Amino acid sequence: MPPYLKFFVKALTMINMWPQESISTFTIKQYYVSAITTITTFPIIADLVAQFQEENISFTNINENFVALSALFGVIYVSLCFINKKKEIKTLVQDLATFENYSPKSLIQKTDESLEFYTKLFIVYGIVGNACYGLLPVLNYDYCQNHKPSHMVKYGIPCGLVVRFLLPFKCDYFPLAELIALHECAICMLGTTVIMVITMLICGVLIHTTTQLKYFRKIIAGLTTQYDTETLEKKMKFCVKFHTAIIEADSCFTQMMLLHITWTGFVISVLGFEITTTSNYIEAVRFLMHLLGWLGMLFLVCYHGQNLVDESLAISDAIYSFYWYKKEVIVQKYVLLILLRSHKPLTLKACGMKVMSLATFLAVIEPPRLHLK
């Protein structure tokens, strides 16, 4: 097991998504999350189609299906992207140990422990949120019974579900209705776990690299009084190797970031429409929790992506303030190389389209905000 980010490795191993010792080995178990999630979308799509056969179409009810489908398709996309890049991601996590060659091991361990704590806190929020998300429809049972659409009566779709399921047979009786409700809650838990763990894994890599950039700036500040050419040259090489690690991180997660740039905006719009149009306050609270979860994940990635940009640009200020003109020529050459490279910030991109930053966060939420005005 890698020395760092162990919590993420354990969590992904439990759901069979973390590659085993033989990284290139193909196992069907890795795809069970996306397979189960895909199967779950079929009854929801069937219910969506059935609603268009009603005389009075409820756009609020249709929107509920879009909310569920958008979340499920997001889980499928992220899980497939992760499996597609499993070799690079595993290598990247293992390579975090190479930072021990440049910074104190205690610094890396402290960062890792802090990251694990906040990840667990975030997952607890997800579990509590899912519990509420699954229980609120039960509280809304009487309202659903009194306002049941005709297709729910016709096809025997029970009330009290997270999202309506249309099956080839009627299922509005004990214990089938309860089993479907448990299945939906289990899928919610599974999907939330996958999205949160992978999102926090990305943030973990960004936090580790940002911490190393901060430490590197301290090294540069301390080189002012260092006159040993060999030592200076050795420390100057750190930035080049570190930059290579950042490029690998960018290439690993670039496809998954595309989800936040494109799909998240759609999800926010759908959820916002549902919250503002529904007359049922229980449903409004439920979808508000869903909305906060998506916004929270997007903000975390963009926030730490912004930190990466800021810290990488700060290297140029630090290296320029270093008394390089008093050093040997070979050291001045390294300083020049670092100075030239640090003018271009290190970034986490979404398929080369957008840099994950606070500006991107605002750009993603702005269209839905204007749409809801």
Protein backbone atom coordinates (compact mmCIF):
# COMPACT_ATOMS: atom_id res chain seq x y z
CA MET A 1 0.00 0.00 0.00
CA PRO A 2 1.29 3.53 -0.78
CA PRO A 3 2.74 5.37 2.25
CA TYR A 4 0.36 8.30 1.81
CA LEU A 5 -3.34 8.78 1.01
CA LYS A 6 -3.99 5.35 2.57
CA PHE A 7 -7.58 6.21 3.47
CA PHE A 8 -8.46 6.76 -0.19
CA VAL A 9 -6.72 3.56 -1.24
CA LYS A 10 -8.67 1.57 1.37
CA ALA A 11 -11.98 3.15 0.40
CA LEU A 12 -11.46 2.56 -3.33
CA THR A 13 -10.23 -0.99 -2.65
CA MET A 14 -13.46 -1.74 -0.74
CA ILE A 15 -15.50 -0.89 -3.84
CA ASN A 16 -13.05 -2.76 -6.12
CA MET A 17 -11.93 0.35 -8.01
CA TRP A 18 -8.34 0.55 -6.81
CA PRO A 19 -5.98 -1.45 -9.09
CA GLN A 20 -4.36 -4.49 -7.52
CA GLU A 21 -0.68 -5.44 -7.59
CA SER A 22 -0.81 -6.17 -11.30
CA ILE A 23 -1.99 -2.76 -12.51
CA SER A 24 -2.64 -3.84 -16.09
CA THR A 25 -4.83 -6.81 -15.06
CA PHE A 26 -8.41 -6.50 -16.31
CA THR A 27 -11.10 -7.46 -13.79
CA ILE A 28 -14.82 -7.14 -14.32
CA LYS A 29 -15.22 -6.29 -10.61
CA GLN A 30 -13.81 -2.82 -11.28
CA TYR A 31 -16.87 -2.01 -13.37
CA TYR A 32 -19.55 -3.14 -10.94
CA VAL A 33 -20.19 0.42 -9.69
CA SER A 34 -20.82 1.76 -13.19
CA ALA A 35 -22.77 -1.41 -14.14
CA ILE A 36 -25.14 -1.25 -11.14
CA THR A 37 -25.60 2.49 -11.60
CA THR A 38 -26.37 2.05 -15.30
CA ILE A 39 -28.99 -0.62 -14.57
CA THR A 40 -30.58 1.71 -12.01
CA THR A 41 -31.12 4.38 -14.66
CA PHE A 42 -33.44 2.16 -16.76
CA PRO A 43 -36.53 2.27 -14.46
CA ILE A 44 -36.04 6.03 -14.02
CA ILE A 45 -35.91 6.57 -17.78
CA ALA A 46 -39.02 4.39 -18.15
CA ASP A 47 -40.86 6.56 -15.61
CA LEU A 48 -39.73 9.69 -17.45
CA VAL A 49 -41.14 8.38 -20.74
CA ALA A 50 -44.40 7.30 -19.08
CA GLN A 51 -45.02 10.80 -17.75
CA PHE A 52 -45.29 12.19 -21.28
CA GLN A 53 -48.33 9.96 -21.81
CA GLU A 54 -50.31 11.84 -19.16
CA GLU A 55 -52.81 14.52 -20.08
CA ASN A 56 -51.47 17.00 -17.52
CA ILE A 57 -47.70 16.78 -17.63
CA SER A 58 -45.97 17.91 -14.43
CA PHE A 59 -42.65 19.52 -15.24
CA THR A 60 -41.74 19.36 -11.55
CA ASN A 61 -42.06 15.57 -11.61
CA ILE A 62 -40.13 15.35 -14.87
CA ASN A 63 -37.43 17.51 -13.37
CA GLU A 64 -37.07 15.05 -10.47
CA ASN A 65 -36.16 12.36 -12.99
CA PHE A 66 -33.57 14.63 -14.58
CA VAL A 67 -32.06 15.31 -11.15
CA ALA A 68 -31.68 11.60 -10.46
CA LEU A 69 -30.39 10.76 -13.93
CA SER A 70 -27.86 13.59 -13.92
CA ALA A 71 -26.42 12.37 -10.61
CA LEU A 72 -26.28 8.74 -11.76
CA PHE A 73 -24.67 9.58 -15.10
CA GLY A 74 -22.12 11.67 -13.20
CA VAL A 75 -21.20 8.64 -11.07
CA ILE A 76 -20.88 6.46 -14.18
CA TYR A 77 -18.66 8.99 -15.95
CA VAL A 78 -16.34 9.59 -13.00
CA SER A 79 -15.95 5.88 -12.22
CA LEU A 80 -15.12 5.05 -15.85
CA CYS A 81 -12.62 7.92 -16.06
CA PHE A 82 -10.96 6.71 -12.86
CA ILE A 83 -10.68 3.14 -14.14
CA ASN A 84 -9.34 4.41 -17.47
CA LYS A 85 -6.54 6.28 -15.64
CA LYS A 86 -6.04 3.75 -12.83
CA LYS A 87 -2.42 2.98 -13.75
CA GLU A 88 -1.36 6.64 -13.80
CA ILE A 89 -3.29 7.47 -10.61
CA LYS A 90 -1.79 4.56 -8.67
CA THR A 91 1.70 5.50 -9.82
CA LEU A 92 1.07 9.14 -8.89
CA VAL A 93 -0.07 8.25 -5.36
CA GLN A 94 2.94 5.97 -4.89
CA ASP A 95 5.28 8.69 -6.15
CA LEU A 96 4.19 11.08 -3.39
CA ALA A 97 6.80 9.29 -1.28
CA THR A 98 9.52 10.85 -3.47
CA PHE A 99 8.79 14.20 -1.80
CA GLU A 100 10.58 12.77 1.24
CA ASN A 101 13.80 13.42 -0.70
CA TYR A 102 13.10 17.16 -0.68
CA SER A 103 11.04 17.95 2.42
CA PRO A 104 10.71 16.58 5.99
CA LYS A 105 8.68 13.38 6.24
CA SER A 106 6.82 14.88 9.20
CA LEU A 107 5.51 17.68 6.96
CA ILE A 108 4.07 15.18 4.48
CA GLN A 109 2.57 13.05 7.25
CA LYS A 110 0.97 16.06 8.91
CA THR A 111 -0.56 17.10 5.59
CA ASP A 112 -1.81 13.57 5.02
CA GLU A 113 -3.38 13.31 8.49
CA SER A 114 -5.11 16.66 8.11
CA LEU A 115 -6.41 15.64 4.69
CA GLU A 116 -7.74 12.33 6.04
CA PHE A 117 -9.58 14.11 8.87
CA TYR A 118 -11.36 16.58 6.59
CA THR A 119 -12.15 13.84 4.09
CA LYS A 120 -13.85 11.77 6.80
CA LEU A 121 -15.74 14.87 7.90
CA PHE A 122 -16.89 15.45 4.32
CA ILE A 123 -17.95 11.81 3.95
CA VAL A 124 -19.90 11.97 7.23
CA TYR A 125 -21.77 14.94 5.77
CA GLY A 126 -22.46 12.80 2.70
CA ILE A 127 -23.74 9.87 4.78
CA VAL A 128 -25.96 12.09 6.93
CA GLY A 129 -27.15 13.90 3.82
CA ASN A 130 -27.99 10.61 2.12
CA ALA A 131 -29.85 9.38 5.19
CA CYS A 132 -31.95 12.56 5.17
CA TYR A 133 -32.29 12.34 1.39
CA GLY A 134 -33.71 8.83 1.73
CA LEU A 135 -35.93 9.52 4.76
CA LEU A 136 -37.52 12.78 3.61
CA PRO A 137 -39.63 11.05 0.90
CA VAL A 138 -41.07 8.87 3.70
CA LEU A 139 -42.17 12.03 5.52
CA ASN A 140 -43.67 13.14 2.23
CA TYR A 141 -45.66 9.89 1.84
CA ASP A 142 -49.12 11.32 2.57
CA TYR A 143 -48.58 14.24 0.19
CA CYS A 144 -47.51 11.81 -2.54
CA GLN A 145 -50.57 9.61 -1.97
CA ASN A 146 -52.90 12.60 -2.26
CA HIS A 147 -51.22 13.98 -5.39
CA LYS A 148 -50.37 10.76 -7.19
CA PRO A 149 -50.01 11.18 -10.97
CA SER A 150 -52.15 8.83 -13.06
CA HIS A 151 -49.17 6.87 -14.39
CA MET A 152 -48.09 6.00 -10.82
CA VAL A 153 -51.53 4.46 -10.19
CA LYS A 154 -51.56 2.72 -13.57
CA TYR A 155 -48.11 1.12 -13.25
CA GLY A 156 -48.17 0.55 -9.49
CA ILE A 157 -45.32 2.90 -8.57
CA PRO A 158 -45.09 3.30 -4.77
CA CYS A 159 -44.71 6.53 -2.84
CA GLY A 160 -41.89 7.16 -0.40
CA LEU A 161 -39.08 6.50 -2.90
CA VAL A 162 -36.04 8.70 -3.52
CA VAL A 163 -37.02 8.71 -7.20
CA ARG A 164 -39.88 6.98 -9.01
CA PHE A 165 -39.14 3.52 -10.43
CA LEU A 166 -41.24 2.11 -13.28
CA LEU A 167 -40.78 -1.66 -13.46
CA PRO A 168 -42.44 -4.21 -15.80
CA PHE A 169 -44.69 -5.19 -12.88
CA LYS A 170 -46.53 -3.35 -10.11
CA CYS A 171 -44.44 -2.88 -6.98
CA ASP A 172 -46.59 -0.75 -4.67
CA TYR A 173 -47.01 -3.44 -2.03
CA PHE A 174 -45.05 -4.93 0.88
CA PRO A 175 -42.22 -5.97 0.82
CA LEU A 176 -41.34 -5.07 -2.77
CA ALA A 177 -41.81 -1.32 -2.25
CA GLU A 178 -39.54 -1.42 0.80
CA LEU A 179 -36.87 -3.40 -1.06
CA ILE A 180 -36.87 -0.86 -3.90
CA ALA A 181 -36.54 1.97 -1.37
CA LEU A 182 -33.55 0.22 0.24
CA HIS A 183 -31.99 -0.35 -3.19
CA GLU A 184 -32.31 3.34 -4.03
CA CYS A 185 -30.76 4.37 -0.69
CA ALA A 186 -27.89 1.92 -1.25
CA ILE A 187 -27.26 3.35 -4.73
CA CYS A 188 -27.28 6.87 -3.28
CA MET A 189 -24.71 5.85 -0.66
CA LEU A 190 -22.54 4.08 -3.23
CA GLY A 191 -22.65 6.94 -5.74
CA THR A 192 -21.95 9.56 -3.08
CA THR A 193 -19.01 7.56 -1.74
CA VAL A 194 -17.47 7.16 -5.20
CA ILE A 195 -17.83 10.84 -6.11
CA MET A 196 -16.66 12.14 -2.72
CA VAL A 197 -13.66 9.81 -2.38
CA ILE A 198 -12.41 10.51 -5.90
CA THR A 199 -13.00 14.26 -5.52
CA MET A 200 -11.12 14.32 -2.22
CA LEU A 201 -8.35 12.19 -3.74
CA ILE A 202 -7.88 14.90 -6.37
CA CYS A 203 -7.90 17.56 -3.65
CA GLY A 204 -5.42 15.44 -1.69
CA VAL A 205 -2.92 15.42 -4.53
CA LEU A 206 -3.38 19.18 -4.96
CA ILE A 207 -2.93 19.83 -1.22
CA HIS A 208 0.22 17.72 -1.08
CA THR A 209 1.75 19.49 -4.07
CA THR A 210 0.74 22.94 -2.79
CA THR A 211 2.35 22.12 0.56
CA GLN A 212 5.54 21.17 -1.27
CA LEU A 213 5.47 24.43 -3.21
CA LYS A 214 5.21 26.37 0.05
CA TYR A 215 8.14 24.43 1.46
CA PHE A 216 10.11 25.04 -1.72
CA ARG A 217 9.64 28.78 -1.26
CA LYS A 218 11.08 28.44 2.23
CA ILE A 219 14.07 26.61 0.75
CA ILE A 220 14.64 29.47 -1.70
CA ALA A 221 14.42 32.02 1.11
CA GLY A 222 17.03 30.05 3.04
CA LEU A 223 19.45 29.88 0.13
CA THR A 224 20.45 33.50 0.57
CA THR A 225 23.01 32.52 3.18
CA GLN A 226 24.03 29.32 1.37
CA TYR A 227 27.29 29.60 -0.56
CA ASP A 228 28.11 25.95 -1.24
CA THR A 229 27.69 25.56 -5.02
CA GLU A 230 27.07 21.81 -4.95
CA THR A 231 24.31 22.11 -2.35
CA LEU A 232 22.70 24.97 -4.21
CA GLU A 233 22.74 23.06 -7.48
CA LYS A 234 21.15 20.01 -5.87
CA LYS A 235 18.32 22.03 -4.36
CA MET A 236 17.68 23.91 -7.58
CA LYS A 237 16.94 20.62 -9.37
CA PHE A 238 14.00 20.05 -7.03
CA CYS A 239 11.70 22.39 -8.96
CA VAL A 240 12.22 20.55 -12.25
CA LYS A 241 11.37 17.17 -10.72
CA PHE A 242 8.46 18.63 -8.82
CA HIS A 243 7.01 20.14 -11.99
CA THR A 244 7.11 16.71 -13.64
CA ALA A 245 4.98 15.32 -10.80
CA ILE A 246 2.42 18.13 -11.26
CA ILE A 247 2.14 17.43 -14.99
CA GLU A 248 1.37 13.80 -14.18
CA ALA A 249 -1.35 14.89 -11.76
CA ASP A 250 -2.91 17.10 -14.42
CA SER A 251 -2.94 14.32 -17.02
CA CYS A 252 -4.51 11.85 -14.56
CA PHE A 253 -7.53 13.91 -13.56
CA THR A 254 -8.15 16.07 -16.62
CA GLN A 255 -11.07 13.95 -17.92
CA MET A 256 -12.81 13.90 -14.53
CA MET A 257 -12.53 17.68 -14.29
CA LEU A 258 -14.56 17.95 -17.49
CA LEU A 259 -17.55 16.71 -15.47
CA HIS A 260 -17.34 19.75 -13.18
CA ILE A 261 -17.02 22.17 -16.10
CA THR A 262 -19.94 20.84 -18.15
CA TRP A 263 -22.25 18.56 -16.18
CA THR A 264 -22.23 20.43 -12.87
CA GLY A 265 -23.72 23.56 -14.45
CA PHE A 266 -26.59 21.48 -15.83
CA VAL A 267 -27.17 19.76 -12.48
CA ILE A 268 -27.22 23.11 -10.65
CA SER A 269 -29.78 24.45 -13.13
CA VAL A 270 -32.03 21.41 -12.77
CA LEU A 271 -31.82 21.42 -8.97
CA GLY A 272 -32.35 25.17 -8.78
CA PHE A 273 -35.44 24.90 -10.99
CA GLU A 274 -36.80 22.10 -8.82
CA ILE A 275 -36.23 24.03 -5.58
CA THR A 276 -37.86 27.21 -6.86
CA THR A 277 -40.89 25.58 -8.52
CA THR A 278 -41.94 22.88 -6.08
CA SER A 279 -44.69 23.73 -3.61
CA ASN A 280 -43.61 20.98 -1.23
CA TYR A 281 -41.11 22.30 1.30
CA ILE A 282 -39.88 18.78 2.16
CA GLU A 283 -38.88 18.21 -1.45
CA ALA A 284 -37.30 21.68 -1.56
CA VAL A 285 -35.13 20.86 1.48
CA ARG A 286 -34.15 17.51 -0.03
CA PHE A 287 -33.01 19.02 -3.31
CA LEU A 288 -31.30 21.91 -1.53
CA MET A 289 -29.09 19.35 0.25
CA HIS A 290 -28.35 17.76 -3.11
CA LEU A 291 -27.45 21.15 -4.57
CA LEU A 292 -25.12 22.01 -1.68
CA GLY A 293 -23.31 18.70 -2.18
CA TRP A 294 -22.56 19.42 -5.85
CA LEU A 295 -21.55 23.01 -5.12
CA GLY A 296 -19.32 21.86 -2.27
CA MET A 297 -17.41 19.38 -4.43
CA LEU A 298 -16.98 21.88 -7.25
CA PHE A 299 -15.78 24.57 -4.83
CA LEU A 300 -13.25 22.25 -3.17
CA VAL A 301 -11.60 21.31 -6.45
CA CYS A 302 -11.60 24.91 -7.72
CA TYR A 303 -10.33 26.28 -4.40
CA HIS A 304 -7.37 23.92 -4.23
CA GLY A 305 -6.75 24.41 -7.94
CA GLN A 306 -6.56 28.16 -7.26
CA ASN A 307 -4.09 27.54 -4.43
CA LEU A 308 -1.93 25.55 -6.82
CA VAL A 309 -1.91 28.43 -9.31
CA ASP A 310 -1.13 31.03 -6.63
CA GLU A 311 1.66 29.04 -5.00
CA SER A 312 3.31 28.21 -8.31
CA LEU A 313 3.29 31.87 -9.35
CA ALA A 314 4.70 32.85 -5.95
CA ILE A 315 7.82 30.85 -6.82
CA SER A 316 8.84 33.52 -9.34
CA ASP A 317 8.67 36.25 -6.67
CA ALA A 318 10.68 34.13 -4.25
CA ILE A 319 13.37 33.24 -6.77
CA TYR A 320 13.65 36.85 -7.96
CA SER A 321 14.13 38.04 -4.37
CA PHE A 322 16.90 35.48 -3.90
CA TYR A 323 20.38 37.04 -4.11
CA TRP A 324 21.15 35.12 -7.29
CA TYR A 325 23.53 37.78 -8.61
CA LYS A 326 25.93 36.99 -5.77
CA LYS A 327 26.08 33.28 -6.62
CA GLU A 328 28.11 31.19 -9.05
CA VAL A 329 27.28 31.18 -12.76
CA ILE A 330 25.94 27.60 -12.67
CA VAL A 331 23.51 28.58 -9.91
CA GLN A 332 22.44 31.67 -11.86
CA LYS A 333 21.55 29.42 -14.80
CA TYR A 334 19.28 27.31 -12.60
CA VAL A 335 17.72 30.47 -11.20
CA LEU A 336 17.02 31.71 -14.72
CA LEU A 337 15.40 28.41 -15.71
CA ILE A 338 13.21 28.38 -12.61
CA LEU A 339 12.29 32.04 -13.10
CA LEU A 340 11.28 31.46 -16.73
CA ARG A 341 9.21 28.39 -15.88
CA SER A 342 7.49 29.87 -12.83
CA HIS A 343 5.94 32.65 -14.93
CA LYS A 344 3.61 29.98 -16.30
CA PRO A 345 1.45 28.73 -13.41
CA LEU A 346 1.03 25.06 -12.62
CA THR A 347 -2.61 24.18 -13.16
CA LEU A 348 -5.21 21.46 -13.03
CA LYS A 349 -7.16 21.58 -16.28
CA ALA A 350 -10.37 20.03 -17.58
CA CYS A 351 -9.31 18.38 -20.85
CA GLY A 352 -7.32 21.51 -21.70
CA MET A 353 -10.51 23.61 -21.76
CA LYS A 354 -10.54 25.35 -18.40
CA VAL A 355 -8.19 25.80 -15.46
CA MET A 356 -9.77 24.67 -12.19
CA SER A 357 -9.79 27.93 -10.22
CA LEU A 358 -12.17 30.22 -8.35
CA ALA A 359 -12.81 32.08 -11.59
CA THR A 360 -13.94 28.79 -13.14
CA PHE A 361 -16.20 28.14 -10.15
CA LEU A 362 -17.93 31.47 -10.71
CA ALA A 363 -18.13 30.82 -14.45
CA VAL A 364 -19.86 27.47 -13.87
CA ILE A 365 -22.48 28.77 -11.42
CA GLU A 366 -23.15 32.07 -13.20
CA PRO A 367 -25.37 30.73 -16.07
CA PRO A 368 -27.64 28.77 -13.69
CA ARG A 369 -27.87 31.82 -11.40
CA LEU A 370 -28.95 34.06 -14.28
CA HIS A 371 -31.37 31.39 -15.49
CA LEU A 372 -33.07 31.25 -12.07
CA LYS A 373 -33.50 35.03 -11.75
